Amino acid sequence: MKRYEADEVDIQILSELRKDSRITLRRLAETVNLSAPTARARLQNLEITGIIKRYTVIVDYERLGYPIQAFVLLQGVRRSIDHNELLACFETTPEIIHWYGLAGGKDYLLFLIADSSQALKEHLITLRELGATSTFVALDGTFGSGFPTKPRRPWEEEPPAGYRIDDEDQDHSEGDGSPR
């Protein structure tokens, strides 16, 4: 998969959308000092390339009636369990808000919510049928406050000595490199 090379304007657009995904195109364009058509083209490019996967909301689960939020490390998942069925189970359990496949000795990290300690206990009993668990109850925190403020550049001038760029990774476009 070819990595999209975001520039400073792309990062500004993404930063504004993370603050308010319902920002109007006009306001977004003003904030990042672009014309509305150029901002629209930039935004569409970020969507088409998959940088923006979807627009969403951040939910306050406690106010919604789920005061218990926990991270659960699941490890030693039995080999007899079909991987796709396991992921489907994660996706269809409404209390599992996020899940991540891991490397390094643990299999999965789950973020789940519960309306009571009894409900959390029931989820853990079910998960222990799959493998060993370690549970960490969140006392407070924030979601998604961090964000890069500049484009990722592994080096500023030239690639390190011996670094090879494959032909398919090279930019063969002409012009200023802005999205078309």
C-alpha atoms as a PDB file:
ATOM      1  CA  MET A   1       0.000   0.000   0.000  1.00  0.00           C
ATOM      2  CA  LYS A   2       1.442   3.334  -1.011  1.00  0.00           C
ATOM      3  CA  ARG A   3       1.530   5.851   1.815  1.00  0.00           C
ATOM      4  CA  TYR A   4      -0.183   9.163   1.162  1.00  0.00           C
ATOM      5  CA  GLU A   5       2.196  12.073   1.628  1.00  0.00           C
ATOM      6  CA  ALA A   6       0.191  14.629   3.573  1.00  0.00           C
ATOM      7  CA  ASP A   7       1.419  18.198   3.530  1.00  0.00           C
ATOM      8  CA  GLU A   8       0.956  20.978   6.092  1.00  0.00           C
ATOM      9  CA  VAL A   9      -2.420  21.980   4.636  1.00  0.00           C
ATOM     10  CA  ASP A  10      -3.716  18.403   4.803  1.00  0.00           C
ATOM     11  CA  ILE A  11      -2.640  18.235   8.445  1.00  0.00           C
ATOM     12  CA  GLN A  12      -4.421  21.537   9.168  1.00  0.00           C
ATOM     13  CA  ILE A  13      -7.595  20.227   7.516  1.00  0.00           C
ATOM     14  CA  LEU A  14      -7.456  16.985   9.489  1.00  0.00           C
ATOM     15  CA  SER A  15      -6.785  18.869  12.710  1.00  0.00           C
ATOM     16  CA  GLU A  16      -9.824  21.106  12.181  1.00  0.00           C
ATOM     17  CA  LEU A  17     -12.030  18.120  11.341  1.00  0.00           C
ATOM     18  CA  ARG A  18     -10.892  16.332  14.500  1.00  0.00           C
ATOM     19  CA  LYS A  19     -11.972  19.361  16.519  1.00  0.00           C
ATOM     20  CA  ASP A  20     -15.346  19.551  14.756  1.00  0.00           C
ATOM     21  CA  SER A  21     -16.266  17.070  12.027  1.00  0.00           C
ATOM     22  CA  ARG A  22     -19.399  19.123  11.312  1.00  0.00           C
ATOM     23  CA  ILE A  23     -17.475  22.273  10.386  1.00  0.00           C
ATOM     24  CA  THR A  24     -18.842  23.897   7.251  1.00  0.00           C
ATOM     25  CA  LEU A  25     -16.729  23.806   4.126  1.00  0.00           C
ATOM     26  CA  ARG A  26     -16.694  27.613   4.078  1.00  0.00           C
ATOM     27  CA  ARG A  27     -15.417  27.816   7.655  1.00  0.00           C
ATOM     28  CA  LEU A  28     -12.858  25.068   7.032  1.00  0.00           C
ATOM     29  CA  ALA A  29     -11.553  26.912   3.962  1.00  0.00           C
ATOM     30  CA  GLU A  30     -11.257  30.164   5.930  1.00  0.00           C
ATOM     31  CA  THR A  31      -9.460  28.454   8.803  1.00  0.00           C
ATOM     32  CA  VAL A  32      -6.808  26.865   6.569  1.00  0.00           C
ATOM     33  CA  ASN A  33      -6.565  29.888   4.207  1.00  0.00           C
ATOM     34  CA  LEU A  34      -7.898  28.198   1.071  1.00  0.00           C
ATOM     35  CA  SER A  35     -10.697  28.945  -1.338  1.00  0.00           C
ATOM     36  CA  ALA A  36     -13.794  26.798  -0.832  1.00  0.00           C
ATOM     37  CA  PRO A  37     -13.265  24.859  -4.109  1.00  0.00           C
ATOM     38  CA  THR A  38      -9.639  24.118  -3.200  1.00  0.00           C
ATOM     39  CA  ALA A  39     -10.629  23.053   0.326  1.00  0.00           C
ATOM     40  CA  ARG A  40     -13.337  20.795  -1.160  1.00  0.00           C
ATOM     41  CA  ALA A  41     -10.796  19.211  -3.531  1.00  0.00           C
ATOM     42  CA  ARG A  42      -8.342  18.669  -0.665  1.00  0.00           C
ATOM     43  CA  LEU A  43     -11.076  17.154   1.498  1.00  0.00           C
ATOM     44  CA  GLN A  44     -12.246  14.846  -1.294  1.00  0.00           C
ATOM     45  CA  ASN A  45      -8.654  13.747  -1.875  1.00  0.00           C
ATOM     46  CA  LEU A  46      -8.281  12.847   1.807  1.00  0.00           C
ATOM     47  CA  GLU A  47     -11.512  10.832   1.576  1.00  0.00           C
ATOM     48  CA  ILE A  48     -10.636   9.068  -1.696  1.00  0.00           C
ATOM     49  CA  THR A  49      -7.168   8.087  -0.502  1.00  0.00           C
ATOM     50  CA  GLY A  50      -8.649   6.620   2.685  1.00  0.00           C
ATOM     51  CA  ILE A  51      -6.962   9.048   5.076  1.00  0.00           C
ATOM     52  CA  ILE A  52     -10.455  10.037   6.220  1.00  0.00           C
ATOM     53  CA  LYS A  53     -12.264   6.755   6.778  1.00  0.00           C
ATOM     54  CA  ARG A  54     -15.510   8.206   8.097  1.00  0.00           C
ATOM     55  CA  TYR A  55     -16.981  11.053  10.094  1.00  0.00           C
ATOM     56  CA  THR A  56     -18.025  10.169  13.612  1.00  0.00           C
ATOM     57  CA  VAL A  57     -18.805  11.464  17.088  1.00  0.00           C
ATOM     58  CA  ILE A  58     -17.134  11.052  20.456  1.00  0.00           C
ATOM     59  CA  VAL A  59     -19.609   9.671  22.971  1.00  0.00           C
ATOM     60  CA  ASP A  60     -19.602  10.317  26.714  1.00  0.00           C
ATOM     61  CA  TYR A  61     -20.411   6.753  27.774  1.00  0.00           C
ATOM     62  CA  GLU A  62     -20.890   7.653  31.422  1.00  0.00           C
ATOM     63  CA  ARG A  63     -23.639  10.156  30.570  1.00  0.00           C
ATOM     64  CA  LEU A  64     -25.178   7.493  28.354  1.00  0.00           C
ATOM     65  CA  GLY A  65     -25.465   5.160  31.344  1.00  0.00           C
ATOM     66  CA  TYR A  66     -22.224   3.161  31.048  1.00  0.00           C
ATOM     67  CA  PRO A  67     -20.073   4.384  33.945  1.00  0.00           C
ATOM     68  CA  ILE A  68     -17.626   1.476  33.718  1.00  0.00           C
ATOM     69  CA  GLN A  69     -15.060   1.614  30.928  1.00  0.00           C
ATOM     70  CA  ALA A  70     -12.329  -0.981  30.807  1.00  0.00           C
ATOM     71  CA  PHE A  71      -9.409  -2.127  28.715  1.00  0.00           C
ATOM     72  CA  VAL A  72      -9.113  -5.890  28.499  1.00  0.00           C
ATOM     73  CA  LEU A  73      -5.997  -7.677  27.270  1.00  0.00           C
ATOM     74  CA  LEU A  74      -6.942 -11.026  25.792  1.00  0.00           C
ATOM     75  CA  GLN A  75      -4.123 -13.503  25.368  1.00  0.00           C
ATOM     76  CA  GLY A  76      -3.673 -17.155  24.584  1.00  0.00           C
ATOM     77  CA  VAL A  77      -6.740 -17.295  22.362  1.00  0.00           C
ATOM     78  CA  ARG A  78      -7.444 -20.948  21.704  1.00  0.00           C
ATOM     79  CA  ARG A  79      -6.266 -22.138  18.290  1.00  0.00           C
ATOM     80  CA  SER A  80      -9.606 -23.899  17.746  1.00  0.00           C
ATOM     81  CA  ILE A  81     -11.376 -20.536  17.577  1.00  0.00           C
ATOM     82  CA  ASP A  82     -11.868 -19.269  14.031  1.00  0.00           C
ATOM     83  CA  HIS A  83     -10.194 -15.874  13.690  1.00  0.00           C
ATOM     84  CA  ASN A  84     -12.969 -14.409  11.515  1.00  0.00           C
ATOM     85  CA  GLU A  85     -15.676 -15.607  13.905  1.00  0.00           C
ATOM     86  CA  LEU A  86     -13.797 -14.026  16.802  1.00  0.00           C
ATOM     87  CA  LEU A  87     -13.553 -10.678  15.009  1.00  0.00           C
ATOM     88  CA  ALA A  88     -17.246 -10.903  14.070  1.00  0.00           C
ATOM     89  CA  CYS A  89     -17.992 -11.455  17.761  1.00  0.00           C
ATOM     90  CA  PHE A  90     -16.014  -8.307  18.657  1.00  0.00           C
ATOM     91  CA  GLU A  91     -17.815  -6.323  15.967  1.00  0.00           C
ATOM     92  CA  THR A  92     -21.296  -7.470  16.975  1.00  0.00           C
ATOM     93  CA  THR A  93     -20.936  -7.057  20.741  1.00  0.00           C
ATOM     94  CA  PRO A  94     -22.204  -3.503  21.296  1.00  0.00           C
ATOM     95  CA  GLU A  95     -20.277  -3.077  24.544  1.00  0.00           C
ATOM     96  CA  ILE A  96     -16.952  -3.688  22.769  1.00  0.00           C
ATOM     97  CA  ILE A  97     -16.308  -0.198  21.479  1.00  0.00           C
ATOM     98  CA  HIS A  98     -12.811  -0.707  20.033  1.00  0.00           C
ATOM     99  CA  TRP A  99     -10.564  -3.689  19.545  1.00  0.00           C
ATOM    100  CA  TYR A 100      -7.007  -4.023  18.336  1.00  0.00           C
ATOM    101  CA  GLY A 101      -4.999  -7.068  17.265  1.00  0.00           C
ATOM    102  CA  LEU A 102      -1.598  -6.969  18.978  1.00  0.00           C
ATOM    103  CA  ALA A 103       1.925  -8.250  18.587  1.00  0.00           C
ATOM    104  CA  GLY A 104       4.223  -8.976  21.499  1.00  0.00           C
ATOM    105  CA  GLY A 105       2.657 -11.740  23.547  1.00  0.00           C
ATOM    106  CA  LYS A 106      -0.902 -10.476  23.863  1.00  0.00           C
ATOM    107  CA  ASP A 107      -3.495 -11.252  21.205  1.00  0.00           C
ATOM    108  CA  TYR A 108      -6.083  -8.457  21.488  1.00  0.00           C
ATOM    109  CA  LEU A 109      -6.746  -5.237  23.354  1.00  0.00           C
ATOM    110  CA  LEU A 110     -10.436  -4.505  23.830  1.00  0.00           C
ATOM    111  CA  PHE A 111     -12.078  -1.331  25.073  1.00  0.00           C
ATOM    112  CA  LEU A 112     -15.475  -2.114  26.480  1.00  0.00           C
ATOM    113  CA  ILE A 113     -18.175  -0.354  28.437  1.00  0.00           C
ATOM    114  CA  ALA A 114     -20.585  -1.680  31.053  1.00  0.00           C
ATOM    115  CA  ASP A 115     -23.526  -0.285  32.950  1.00  0.00           C
ATOM    116  CA  SER A 116     -22.553  -2.110  36.157  1.00  0.00           C
ATOM    117  CA  SER A 117     -19.764  -4.138  37.702  1.00  0.00           C
ATOM    118  CA  GLN A 118     -21.978  -7.206  37.274  1.00  0.00           C
ATOM    119  CA  ALA A 119     -22.233  -6.547  33.518  1.00  0.00           C
ATOM    120  CA  LEU A 120     -18.440  -6.173  33.321  1.00  0.00           C
ATOM    121  CA  LYS A 121     -18.052  -9.442  35.201  1.00  0.00           C
ATOM    122  CA  GLU A 122     -20.360 -11.211  32.723  1.00  0.00           C
ATOM    123  CA  HIS A 123     -18.339  -9.901  29.766  1.00  0.00           C
ATOM    124  CA  LEU A 124     -15.123 -11.082  31.407  1.00  0.00           C
ATOM    125  CA  ILE A 125     -16.554 -14.548  32.037  1.00  0.00           C
ATOM    126  CA  THR A 126     -17.442 -14.793  28.343  1.00  0.00           C
ATOM    127  CA  LEU A 127     -14.019 -13.513  27.255  1.00  0.00           C
ATOM    128  CA  ARG A 128     -12.246 -15.995  29.560  1.00  0.00           C
ATOM    129  CA  GLU A 129     -13.818 -18.775  27.517  1.00  0.00           C
ATOM    130  CA  LEU A 130     -11.643 -17.510  24.647  1.00  0.00           C
ATOM    131  CA  GLY A 131      -8.375 -17.018  26.529  1.00  0.00           C
ATOM    132  CA  ALA A 132      -6.749 -15.405  29.551  1.00  0.00           C
ATOM    133  CA  THR A 133      -7.688 -11.805  30.357  1.00  0.00           C
ATOM    134  CA  SER A 134      -6.130  -8.880  32.200  1.00  0.00           C
ATOM    135  CA  THR A 135      -8.555  -6.062  32.922  1.00  0.00           C
ATOM    136  CA  PHE A 136      -7.821  -2.392  33.565  1.00  0.00           C
ATOM    137  CA  VAL A 137     -10.738  -0.175  34.590  1.00  0.00           C
ATOM    138  CA  ALA A 138     -10.392   3.408  33.337  1.00  0.00           C
ATOM    139  CA  LEU A 139     -10.859   6.079  35.998  1.00  0.00           C
ATOM    140  CA  ASP A 140     -10.613   9.022  33.630  1.00  0.00           C
ATOM    141  CA  GLY A 141      -9.095   9.969  30.317  1.00  0.00           C
ATOM    142  CA  THR A 142      -9.714  11.516  26.966  1.00  0.00           C
ATOM    143  CA  PHE A 143     -10.220  10.207  23.485  1.00  0.00           C
ATOM    144  CA  GLY A 144      -8.279  11.442  20.512  1.00  0.00           C
ATOM    145  CA  SER A 145      -6.719  14.626  21.827  1.00  0.00           C
ATOM    146  CA  GLY A 146      -3.337  13.861  20.266  1.00  0.00           C
ATOM    147  CA  PHE A 147      -2.648  14.565  16.619  1.00  0.00           C
ATOM    148  CA  PRO A 148       0.491  15.211  14.559  1.00  0.00           C
ATOM    149  CA  THR A 149       1.009  18.892  13.899  1.00  0.00           C
ATOM    150  CA  LYS A 150       3.204  18.472  10.851  1.00  0.00           C
ATOM    151  CA  PRO A 151       3.540  15.940   8.050  1.00  0.00           C
ATOM    152  CA  ARG A 152       5.572  12.843   8.765  1.00  0.00           C
ATOM    153  CA  ARG A 153       8.994  13.162   7.207  1.00  0.00           C
ATOM    154  CA  PRO A 154      11.427  10.343   8.028  1.00  0.00           C
ATOM    155  CA  TRP A 155      14.241  12.640   6.953  1.00  0.00           C
ATOM    156  CA  GLU A 156      14.387  16.325   6.093  1.00  0.00           C
ATOM    157  CA  GLU A 157      16.755  16.449   3.127  1.00  0.00           C
ATOM    158  CA  GLU A 158      17.949  13.181   1.611  1.00  0.00           C
ATOM    159  CA  PRO A 159      17.097   9.584   2.475  1.00  0.00           C
ATOM    160  CA  PRO A 160      19.667   7.777   4.614  1.00  0.00           C
ATOM    161  CA  ALA A 161      22.576   6.163   2.773  1.00  0.00           C
ATOM    162  CA  GLY A 162      21.572   2.809   1.348  1.00  0.00           C
ATOM    163  CA  TYR A 163      17.833   3.556   1.451  1.00  0.00           C
ATOM    164  CA  ARG A 164      16.151   2.168  -1.678  1.00  0.00           C
ATOM    165  CA  ILE A 165      13.006   3.627  -3.145  1.00  0.00           C
ATOM    166  CA  ASP A 166      10.988   1.177  -5.229  1.00  0.00           C
ATOM    167  CA  ASP A 167       9.692   2.500  -8.538  1.00  0.00           C
ATOM    168  CA  GLU A 168       6.045   2.133  -7.491  1.00  0.00           C
ATOM    169  CA  ASP A 169       6.711   4.300  -4.417  1.00  0.00           C
ATOM    170  CA  GLN A 170       8.209   7.146  -6.440  1.00  0.00           C
ATOM    171  CA  ASP A 171       6.081  10.152  -7.270  1.00  0.00           C
ATOM    172  CA  HIS A 172       5.963  10.432 -11.060  1.00  0.00           C
ATOM    173  CA  SER A 173       3.559  13.358 -11.074  1.00  0.00           C
ATOM    174  CA  GLU A 174       4.471  16.756 -12.382  1.00  0.00           C
ATOM    175  CA  GLY A 175       3.665  20.094 -10.896  1.00  0.00           C
ATOM    176  CA  ASP A 176       3.532  21.264  -7.324  1.00  0.00           C
ATOM    177  CA  GLY A 177       2.367  17.951  -5.835  1.00  0.00           C
ATOM    178  CA  SER A 178      -1.016  19.277  -4.737  1.00  0.00           C
ATOM    179  CA  PRO A 179      -4.038  16.965  -5.040  1.00  0.00           C
ATOM    180  CA  ARG A 180      -5.856  17.006  -8.330  1.00  0.00           C
END
